[in-house]
Amino acid sequence: MYSTILVNVEDRVGTITINREEYLNALARETYGEIRDAVKELDDRKDVGTIVITGKGKHFSAGGDIKRFKTLIDSKEYLSQDGIYYAGQMTKAMKQCGKPIIAMINGVATGAGFSIALGADYRIVTPSSKLIMGFIKIGLPGDTGSIYLLSKLIGIEKASYMMMTGEPVKGEDAVQMGLATRLVEDGKLEEETYAFAKMLANMPTKAIARQKALQYNYFYRDLDCFYYDEALQMAVSSREGDFENAVQAFIEKKMPEFNK
C-alpha cells in the first residue's frame, strides 16, 4: 500500500517508519501523502490508541530530497505552490489526528523531517539527536507548517533564531528550551518511547480525542491559511538564485554563497 513508509500495529500502538534509509530518510514527493494517509488510517482504527513516527536506521529524516530539487531546477519547474500546499497536509493531518502522536527522534531531523517532529504531540530525543531548521541553508523560508508549529512550541524569538541561522539543537538543549518532551539515554530510545506510547494507548481514547479536537479548534484554527501563505513564499523563493546556488553547492559538497 505504501512505497516509502512502513506501518505496523502492536499492543495498541501504531508505528509509522520513514523507509528511505539509503537517502537518510529524505522525503520523496510520495512520502508526504503516505504519512498523511497512514495517520488517518491509524486514527480510524479501534485497535490503535497511540501513534509513533520514526525513521529507519540511524536518522529520523534528512528533510526534502535535494536530488529532486536539482531535477526541478534543471527542468525549470521549480517548487509549485500546489505541491507545497499538498506537502503541508501531512502535518495538518497530524494535528487533526485524535490519537496522541509521538516522534521518536533517532539521529538527525532536519527541514521537513523536523516539521514531522513538530507535527507530533510529543518528541522523545537522546543526547545524539539533532533538530535542525535547515530550510535557510538552501535559500528557502520553510514549508510543512514548520515556522507556524515551531513558533507555537517555543515562541517567536527562539523560533526565529532556529529559522534564520539553521543551527542544530542537540537533544539535551531541545528539552531545556521546550522543543522536545523527554531526553532518554542513547540506546534506550525505543524502549522508553514505546513504554510511554503504551501508557498513553491505555488512557481513555475518546477523551484524548476530544482534548486534541479542542486544542486544534482553539489554538491551530488558522493553520490552513498559513499553509497557503507558506506555499506562495516557497514557490517564489525556489525561482531565485539562492535556492539554485545552494542546491548545486550541496550536491558538490561545497558551502553555498548567497545574495549573488
C-alpha atoms as a PDB file:
ATOM      1  CA  MET A   1       0.000   0.000   0.000  1.00  0.00           C
ATOM      2  CA  TYR A   2       2.841   2.380   0.837  1.00  0.00           C
ATOM      3  CA  SER A   3       6.141   2.673  -1.045  1.00  0.00           C
ATOM      4  CA  THR A   4       8.213   4.979   1.200  1.00  0.00           C
ATOM      5  CA  ILE A   5       6.963   4.210   4.716  1.00  0.00           C
ATOM      6  CA  LEU A   6       6.253   1.162   6.849  1.00  0.00           C
ATOM      7  CA  VAL A   7       3.165   0.852   9.064  1.00  0.00           C
ATOM      8  CA  ASN A   8       2.873  -1.590  11.941  1.00  0.00           C
ATOM      9  CA  VAL A   9       0.422  -2.058  14.823  1.00  0.00           C
ATOM     10  CA  GLU A  10       1.268  -3.864  18.054  1.00  0.00           C
ATOM     11  CA  ASP A  11      -0.132  -3.562  21.596  1.00  0.00           C
ATOM     12  CA  ARG A  12      -2.443  -0.674  20.605  1.00  0.00           C
ATOM     13  CA  VAL A  13       0.499   1.345  19.272  1.00  0.00           C
ATOM     14  CA  GLY A  14       0.689   2.139  15.565  1.00  0.00           C
ATOM     15  CA  THR A  15       4.148   2.874  14.167  1.00  0.00           C
ATOM     16  CA  ILE A  16       4.919   4.837  11.012  1.00  0.00           C
ATOM     17  CA  THR A  17       8.535   4.395   9.883  1.00  0.00           C
ATOM     18  CA  ILE A  18      10.021   6.518   7.105  1.00  0.00           C
ATOM     19  CA  ASN A  19      11.642   3.820   4.977  1.00  0.00           C
ATOM     20  CA  ARG A  20      14.248   5.558   2.812  1.00  0.00           C
ATOM     21  CA  GLU A  21      17.329   4.685   4.837  1.00  0.00           C
ATOM     22  CA  GLU A  22      19.627   4.826   1.793  1.00  0.00           C
ATOM     23  CA  TYR A  23      18.677   8.514   1.418  1.00  0.00           C
ATOM     24  CA  LEU A  24      18.881   9.258   5.168  1.00  0.00           C
ATOM     25  CA  ASN A  25      15.072   9.124   5.078  1.00  0.00           C
ATOM     26  CA  ALA A  26      14.818  12.223   2.897  1.00  0.00           C
ATOM     27  CA  LEU A  27      11.197  12.689   1.885  1.00  0.00           C
ATOM     28  CA  ALA A  28      10.130  11.701  -1.619  1.00  0.00           C
ATOM     29  CA  ARG A  29       7.110  13.507  -3.028  1.00  0.00           C
ATOM     30  CA  GLU A  30       5.032  10.417  -2.233  1.00  0.00           C
ATOM     31  CA  THR A  31       6.134  10.372   1.413  1.00  0.00           C
ATOM     32  CA  TYR A  32       4.133  13.451   2.395  1.00  0.00           C
ATOM     33  CA  GLY A  33       0.875  11.920   1.189  1.00  0.00           C
ATOM     34  CA  GLU A  34       1.711   8.492   2.558  1.00  0.00           C
ATOM     35  CA  ILE A  35       2.365   9.811   6.065  1.00  0.00           C
ATOM     36  CA  ARG A  36      -0.853  11.850   5.876  1.00  0.00           C
ATOM     37  CA  ASP A  37      -2.837   8.779   4.795  1.00  0.00           C
ATOM     38  CA  ALA A  38      -1.206   6.485   7.357  1.00  0.00           C
ATOM     39  CA  VAL A  39      -2.005   8.920  10.171  1.00  0.00           C
ATOM     40  CA  LYS A  40      -5.649   8.996   9.070  1.00  0.00           C
ATOM     41  CA  GLU A  41      -5.736   5.205   8.733  1.00  0.00           C
ATOM     42  CA  LEU A  42      -4.356   4.657  12.236  1.00  0.00           C
ATOM     43  CA  ASP A  43      -6.635   7.355  13.649  1.00  0.00           C
ATOM     44  CA  ASP A  44      -9.632   5.384  12.349  1.00  0.00           C
ATOM     45  CA  ARG A  45      -8.505   2.051  13.767  1.00  0.00           C
ATOM     46  CA  LYS A  46     -10.110   0.991  17.051  1.00  0.00           C
ATOM     47  CA  ASP A  47      -7.121  -1.200  17.933  1.00  0.00           C
ATOM     48  CA  VAL A  48      -4.768   1.816  17.958  1.00  0.00           C
ATOM     49  CA  GLY A  49      -4.510   4.221  20.891  1.00  0.00           C
ATOM     50  CA  THR A  50      -1.201   5.945  20.143  1.00  0.00           C
ATOM     51  CA  ILE A  51       0.947   6.579  17.060  1.00  0.00           C
ATOM     52  CA  VAL A  52       4.755   6.592  16.969  1.00  0.00           C
ATOM     53  CA  ILE A  53       6.596   8.048  13.987  1.00  0.00           C
ATOM     54  CA  THR A  54      10.292   7.495  13.363  1.00  0.00           C
ATOM     55  CA  GLY A  55      12.906   6.925  10.675  1.00  0.00           C
ATOM     56  CA  LYS A  56      14.522   3.636   9.721  1.00  0.00           C
ATOM     57  CA  GLY A  57      18.184   3.298  10.611  1.00  0.00           C
ATOM     58  CA  LYS A  58      20.407   5.958  12.129  1.00  0.00           C
ATOM     59  CA  HIS A  59      18.404   9.100  11.298  1.00  0.00           C
ATOM     60  CA  PHE A  60      14.844  10.357  11.639  1.00  0.00           C
ATOM     61  CA  SER A  61      14.761  12.311   8.354  1.00  0.00           C
ATOM     62  CA  ALA A  62      17.053  14.470   6.232  1.00  0.00           C
ATOM     63  CA  GLY A  63      14.065  16.519   5.042  1.00  0.00           C
ATOM     64  CA  GLY A  64      13.428  17.354   1.394  1.00  0.00           C
ATOM     65  CA  ASP A  65      15.128  15.359  -1.347  1.00  0.00           C
ATOM     66  CA  ILE A  66      17.935  17.561  -2.718  1.00  0.00           C
ATOM     67  CA  LYS A  67      18.292  15.463  -5.884  1.00  0.00           C
ATOM     68  CA  ARG A  68      14.615  16.043  -6.634  1.00  0.00           C
ATOM     69  CA  PHE A  69      15.155  19.783  -6.097  1.00  0.00           C
ATOM     70  CA  LYS A  70      18.008  19.677  -8.618  1.00  0.00           C
ATOM     71  CA  THR A  71      15.747  17.994 -11.169  1.00  0.00           C
ATOM     72  CA  LEU A  72      13.029  20.633 -10.656  1.00  0.00           C
ATOM     73  CA  ILE A  73      15.571  23.442 -11.102  1.00  0.00           C
ATOM     74  CA  ASP A  74      17.078  21.943 -14.268  1.00  0.00           C
ATOM     75  CA  SER A  75      13.633  21.440 -15.799  1.00  0.00           C
ATOM     76  CA  LYS A  76      12.577  24.988 -14.803  1.00  0.00           C
ATOM     77  CA  GLU A  77       9.578  23.538 -12.958  1.00  0.00           C
ATOM     78  CA  TYR A  78      10.780  24.671  -9.525  1.00  0.00           C
ATOM     79  CA  LEU A  79       8.574  24.176  -6.472  1.00  0.00           C
ATOM     80  CA  SER A  80       4.893  24.642  -7.189  1.00  0.00           C
ATOM     81  CA  GLN A  81       2.522  26.377  -4.817  1.00  0.00           C
ATOM     82  CA  ASP A  82       0.074  23.472  -5.108  1.00  0.00           C
ATOM     83  CA  GLY A  83       2.820  20.957  -4.361  1.00  0.00           C
ATOM     84  CA  ILE A  84       3.958  22.801  -1.237  1.00  0.00           C
ATOM     85  CA  TYR A  85       0.376  23.140  -0.016  1.00  0.00           C
ATOM     86  CA  TYR A  86      -0.099  19.400  -0.630  1.00  0.00           C
ATOM     87  CA  ALA A  87       3.003  18.625   1.451  1.00  0.00           C
ATOM     88  CA  GLY A  88       1.639  20.726   4.298  1.00  0.00           C
ATOM     89  CA  GLN A  89      -1.415  18.495   4.589  1.00  0.00           C
ATOM     90  CA  MET A  90       0.878  15.906   6.178  1.00  0.00           C
ATOM     91  CA  THR A  91       1.433  17.904   9.371  1.00  0.00           C
ATOM     92  CA  LYS A  92      -2.155  19.169   9.271  1.00  0.00           C
ATOM     93  CA  ALA A  93      -3.352  15.551   9.443  1.00  0.00           C
ATOM     94  CA  MET A  94      -1.073  15.001  12.431  1.00  0.00           C
ATOM     95  CA  LYS A  95      -2.535  17.981  14.290  1.00  0.00           C
ATOM     96  CA  GLN A  96      -6.092  16.910  13.431  1.00  0.00           C
ATOM     97  CA  CYS A  97      -5.483  13.306  14.477  1.00  0.00           C
ATOM     98  CA  GLY A  98      -7.455  12.230  17.544  1.00  0.00           C
ATOM     99  CA  LYS A  99      -4.724   9.888  18.744  1.00  0.00           C
ATOM    100  CA  PRO A 100      -1.549  11.095  20.527  1.00  0.00           C
ATOM    101  CA  ILE A 101       1.445  11.122  18.167  1.00  0.00           C
ATOM    102  CA  ILE A 102       4.997  10.648  19.445  1.00  0.00           C
ATOM    103  CA  ALA A 103       8.051  11.486  17.332  1.00  0.00           C
ATOM    104  CA  MET A 104      10.844   9.061  18.242  1.00  0.00           C
ATOM    105  CA  ILE A 105      13.794  11.105  17.016  1.00  0.00           C
ATOM    106  CA  ASN A 106      16.746   8.926  16.166  1.00  0.00           C
ATOM    107  CA  GLY A 107      19.722  10.947  14.931  1.00  0.00           C
ATOM    108  CA  VAL A 108      19.027  13.978  12.749  1.00  0.00           C
ATOM    109  CA  ALA A 109      15.654  15.555  11.959  1.00  0.00           C
ATOM    110  CA  THR A 110      16.033  18.498   9.595  1.00  0.00           C
ATOM    111  CA  GLY A 111      13.854  20.592   7.297  1.00  0.00           C
ATOM    112  CA  ALA A 112      10.551  18.911   6.514  1.00  0.00           C
ATOM    113  CA  GLY A 113      11.742  15.962   8.607  1.00  0.00           C
ATOM    114  CA  PHE A 114      11.894  18.310  11.580  1.00  0.00           C
ATOM    115  CA  SER A 115       8.398  19.512  10.639  1.00  0.00           C
ATOM    116  CA  ILE A 116       7.137  15.950  11.109  1.00  0.00           C
ATOM    117  CA  ALA A 117       8.522  16.002  14.640  1.00  0.00           C
ATOM    118  CA  LEU A 118       6.842  19.379  15.223  1.00  0.00           C
ATOM    119  CA  GLY A 119       3.542  17.962  13.986  1.00  0.00           C
ATOM    120  CA  ALA A 120       3.653  15.333  16.727  1.00  0.00           C
ATOM    121  CA  ASP A 121       2.275  15.901  20.218  1.00  0.00           C
ATOM    122  CA  TYR A 122       5.464  14.677  21.865  1.00  0.00           C
ATOM    123  CA  ARG A 123       9.126  14.465  20.860  1.00  0.00           C
ATOM    124  CA  ILE A 124      11.447  11.930  22.519  1.00  0.00           C
ATOM    125  CA  VAL A 125      15.175  12.532  21.958  1.00  0.00           C
ATOM    126  CA  THR A 126      18.601  11.275  23.045  1.00  0.00           C
ATOM    127  CA  PRO A 127      21.849  13.218  23.568  1.00  0.00           C
ATOM    128  CA  SER A 128      22.807  12.357  19.967  1.00  0.00           C
ATOM    129  CA  SER A 129      19.560  13.641  18.434  1.00  0.00           C
ATOM    130  CA  LYS A 130      19.842  16.833  16.378  1.00  0.00           C
ATOM    131  CA  LEU A 131      16.922  19.079  15.411  1.00  0.00           C
ATOM    132  CA  ILE A 132      17.641  21.462  12.554  1.00  0.00           C
ATOM    133  CA  MET A 133      15.506  24.100  10.846  1.00  0.00           C
ATOM    134  CA  GLY A 134      17.587  23.611   7.717  1.00  0.00           C
ATOM    135  CA  PHE A 135      15.484  25.425   5.098  1.00  0.00           C
ATOM    136  CA  ILE A 136      17.515  28.627   5.269  1.00  0.00           C
ATOM    137  CA  LYS A 137      20.655  26.705   4.276  1.00  0.00           C
ATOM    138  CA  ILE A 138      19.142  26.142   0.842  1.00  0.00           C
ATOM    139  CA  GLY A 139      17.631  29.600   0.444  1.00  0.00           C
ATOM    140  CA  LEU A 140      14.065  28.694   1.406  1.00  0.00           C
ATOM    141  CA  PRO A 141      11.797  30.100   4.157  1.00  0.00           C
ATOM    142  CA  GLY A 142      10.273  26.761   5.209  1.00  0.00           C
ATOM    143  CA  ASP A 143       7.326  24.502   4.435  1.00  0.00           C
ATOM    144  CA  THR A 144       5.087  21.820   6.001  1.00  0.00           C
ATOM    145  CA  GLY A 145       3.992  24.298   8.669  1.00  0.00           C
ATOM    146  CA  SER A 146       7.460  24.445  10.211  1.00  0.00           C
ATOM    147  CA  ILE A 147       7.505  28.170  11.040  1.00  0.00           C
ATOM    148  CA  TYR A 148       3.986  28.093  12.467  1.00  0.00           C
ATOM    149  CA  LEU A 149       4.461  24.944  14.537  1.00  0.00           C
ATOM    150  CA  LEU A 150       7.896  25.920  15.824  1.00  0.00           C
ATOM    151  CA  SER A 151       6.721  29.402  16.846  1.00  0.00           C
ATOM    152  CA  LYS A 152       3.739  27.888  18.684  1.00  0.00           C
ATOM    153  CA  LEU A 153       6.009  25.498  20.520  1.00  0.00           C
ATOM    154  CA  ILE A 154       8.925  27.674  21.682  1.00  0.00           C
ATOM    155  CA  GLY A 155       7.874  31.263  20.920  1.00  0.00           C
ATOM    156  CA  ILE A 156       8.715  33.590  18.067  1.00  0.00           C
ATOM    157  CA  GLU A 157      12.158  34.731  19.259  1.00  0.00           C
ATOM    158  CA  LYS A 158      13.632  31.258  19.750  1.00  0.00           C
ATOM    159  CA  ALA A 159      11.896  30.006  16.615  1.00  0.00           C
ATOM    160  CA  SER A 160      13.320  32.897  14.613  1.00  0.00           C
ATOM    161  CA  TYR A 161      16.830  32.066  15.800  1.00  0.00           C
ATOM    162  CA  MET A 162      16.496  28.475  14.648  1.00  0.00           C
ATOM    163  CA  MET A 163      14.866  29.530  11.373  1.00  0.00           C
ATOM    164  CA  MET A 164      17.323  32.258  10.443  1.00  0.00           C
ATOM    165  CA  THR A 165      20.564  30.541  11.489  1.00  0.00           C
ATOM    166  CA  GLY A 166      19.838  26.910  10.704  1.00  0.00           C
ATOM    167  CA  GLU A 167      21.937  25.921  13.711  1.00  0.00           C
ATOM    168  CA  PRO A 168      21.334  22.399  15.064  1.00  0.00           C
ATOM    169  CA  VAL A 169      19.863  21.874  18.528  1.00  0.00           C
ATOM    170  CA  LYS A 170      21.050  18.770  20.357  1.00  0.00           C
ATOM    171  CA  GLY A 171      18.780  16.565  22.408  1.00  0.00           C
ATOM    172  CA  GLU A 172      19.572  17.908  25.873  1.00  0.00           C
ATOM    173  CA  ASP A 173      19.239  21.530  24.752  1.00  0.00           C
ATOM    174  CA  ALA A 174      15.998  20.700  22.953  1.00  0.00           C
ATOM    175  CA  VAL A 175      14.421  19.536  26.203  1.00  0.00           C
ATOM    176  CA  GLN A 176      15.676  22.541  28.144  1.00  0.00           C
ATOM    177  CA  MET A 177      14.167  25.000  25.651  1.00  0.00           C
ATOM    178  CA  GLY A 178      10.839  23.165  25.416  1.00  0.00           C
ATOM    179  CA  LEU A 179      11.455  21.851  21.923  1.00  0.00           C
ATOM    180  CA  ALA A 180      11.457  18.194  22.993  1.00  0.00           C
ATOM    181  CA  THR A 181       9.404  16.416  25.624  1.00  0.00           C
ATOM    182  CA  ARG A 182      11.808  13.940  27.113  1.00  0.00           C
ATOM    183  CA  LEU A 183      15.522  13.094  26.982  1.00  0.00           C
ATOM    184  CA  VAL A 184      16.473   9.416  27.250  1.00  0.00           C
ATOM    185  CA  GLU A 185      19.801   7.646  27.162  1.00  0.00           C
ATOM    186  CA  ASP A 186      21.345   6.632  23.857  1.00  0.00           C
ATOM    187  CA  GLY A 187      20.420   3.013  23.295  1.00  0.00           C
ATOM    188  CA  LYS A 188      17.144   3.313  25.208  1.00  0.00           C
ATOM    189  CA  LEU A 189      15.168   5.463  22.770  1.00  0.00           C
ATOM    190  CA  GLU A 190      12.926   2.687  21.506  1.00  0.00           C
ATOM    191  CA  GLU A 191      12.365   1.143  24.946  1.00  0.00           C
ATOM    192  CA  GLU A 192      11.435   4.449  26.592  1.00  0.00           C
ATOM    193  CA  THR A 193       9.331   5.698  23.683  1.00  0.00           C
ATOM    194  CA  TYR A 194       7.207   2.563  23.479  1.00  0.00           C
ATOM    195  CA  ALA A 195       6.730   2.432  27.237  1.00  0.00           C
ATOM    196  CA  PHE A 196       5.318   5.959  27.052  1.00  0.00           C
ATOM    197  CA  ALA A 197       3.283   5.110  23.941  1.00  0.00           C
ATOM    198  CA  LYS A 198       1.691   2.062  25.577  1.00  0.00           C
ATOM    199  CA  MET A 199       0.818   4.076  28.681  1.00  0.00           C
ATOM    200  CA  LEU A 200      -0.962   6.683  26.531  1.00  0.00           C
ATOM    201  CA  ALA A 201      -2.633   3.974  24.436  1.00  0.00           C
ATOM    202  CA  ASN A 202      -4.375   2.666  27.542  1.00  0.00           C
ATOM    203  CA  MET A 203      -5.707   6.048  28.635  1.00  0.00           C
ATOM    204  CA  PRO A 204      -9.328   6.960  27.668  1.00  0.00           C
ATOM    205  CA  THR A 205      -9.005   7.253  23.886  1.00  0.00           C
ATOM    206  CA  LYS A 206     -12.230   9.155  23.280  1.00  0.00           C
ATOM    207  CA  ALA A 207     -11.455  11.749  25.944  1.00  0.00           C
ATOM    208  CA  ILE A 208      -7.981  12.297  24.469  1.00  0.00           C
ATOM    209  CA  ALA A 209      -9.515  12.737  21.012  1.00  0.00           C
ATOM    210  CA  ARG A 210     -11.803  15.434  22.396  1.00  0.00           C
ATOM    211  CA  GLN A 211      -8.847  17.136  24.093  1.00  0.00           C
ATOM    212  CA  LYS A 212      -6.980  17.205  20.794  1.00  0.00           C
ATOM    213  CA  ALA A 213     -10.041  18.492  18.934  1.00  0.00           C
ATOM    214  CA  LEU A 214     -10.360  21.384  21.379  1.00  0.00           C
ATOM    215  CA  GLN A 215      -6.650  22.165  21.022  1.00  0.00           C
ATOM    216  CA  TYR A 216      -6.918  22.219  17.229  1.00  0.00           C
ATOM    217  CA  ASN A 217     -10.086  24.314  17.163  1.00  0.00           C
ATOM    218  CA  TYR A 218      -8.781  26.976  19.525  1.00  0.00           C
ATOM    219  CA  PHE A 219      -5.004  27.009  19.028  1.00  0.00           C
ATOM    220  CA  TYR A 220      -4.465  25.872  15.414  1.00  0.00           C
ATOM    221  CA  ARG A 221      -7.574  27.125  13.642  1.00  0.00           C
ATOM    222  CA  ASP A 222      -5.588  29.373  11.267  1.00  0.00           C
ATOM    223  CA  LEU A 223      -3.111  26.646  10.328  1.00  0.00           C
ATOM    224  CA  ASP A 224      -4.621  26.047   6.893  1.00  0.00           C
ATOM    225  CA  CYS A 225      -4.324  29.738   6.000  1.00  0.00           C
ATOM    226  CA  PHE A 226      -0.672  29.533   6.970  1.00  0.00           C
ATOM    227  CA  TYR A 227      -0.121  26.552   4.653  1.00  0.00           C
ATOM    228  CA  TYR A 228      -1.479  28.613   1.773  1.00  0.00           C
ATOM    229  CA  ASP A 229       0.810  31.578   2.529  1.00  0.00           C
ATOM    230  CA  GLU A 230       3.941  29.477   3.088  1.00  0.00           C
ATOM    231  CA  ALA A 231       3.307  27.678  -0.206  1.00  0.00           C
ATOM    232  CA  LEU A 232       3.339  31.010  -2.040  1.00  0.00           C
ATOM    233  CA  GLN A 233       6.569  32.131  -0.362  1.00  0.00           C
ATOM    234  CA  MET A 234       8.279  28.799  -1.018  1.00  0.00           C
ATOM    235  CA  ALA A 235       7.285  28.819  -4.682  1.00  0.00           C
ATOM    236  CA  VAL A 236       8.680  32.332  -5.154  1.00  0.00           C
ATOM    237  CA  SER A 237      11.924  31.500  -3.303  1.00  0.00           C
ATOM    238  CA  SER A 238      12.513  28.372  -5.384  1.00  0.00           C
ATOM    239  CA  ARG A 239      12.756  30.535  -8.517  1.00  0.00           C
ATOM    240  CA  GLU A 240      15.528  32.697  -7.102  1.00  0.00           C
ATOM    241  CA  GLY A 241      19.277  32.265  -7.390  1.00  0.00           C
ATOM    242  CA  ASP A 242      19.894  31.476  -3.721  1.00  0.00           C
ATOM    243  CA  PHE A 243      17.957  28.212  -3.982  1.00  0.00           C
ATOM    244  CA  GLU A 244      19.660  27.128  -7.196  1.00  0.00           C
ATOM    245  CA  ASN A 245      23.126  28.021  -5.880  1.00  0.00           C
ATOM    246  CA  ALA A 246      22.551  26.246  -2.575  1.00  0.00           C
ATOM    247  CA  VAL A 247      21.260  23.053  -4.175  1.00  0.00           C
ATOM    248  CA  GLN A 248      24.224  22.938  -6.560  1.00  0.00           C
ATOM    249  CA  ALA A 249      26.656  23.600  -3.693  1.00  0.00           C
ATOM    250  CA  PHE A 250      25.068  20.824  -1.636  1.00  0.00           C
ATOM    251  CA  ILE A 251      25.494  18.342  -4.480  1.00  0.00           C
ATOM    252  CA  GLU A 252      29.105  19.430  -4.951  1.00  0.00           C
ATOM    253  CA  LYS A 253      29.665  19.318  -1.160  1.00  0.00           C
ATOM    254  CA  LYS A 254      30.611  22.985  -1.043  1.00  0.00           C
ATOM    255  CA  MET A 255      29.459  25.898   1.095  1.00  0.00           C
ATOM    256  CA  PRO A 256      26.729  27.881  -0.710  1.00  0.00           C
ATOM    257  CA  GLU A 257      27.157  31.571  -1.490  1.00  0.00           C
ATOM    258  CA  PHE A 258      24.026  33.683  -1.178  1.00  0.00           C
ATOM    259  CA  ASN A 259      22.903  37.136  -2.391  1.00  0.00           C
ATOM    260  CA  LYS A 260      24.895  36.933  -5.614  1.00  0.00           C
END
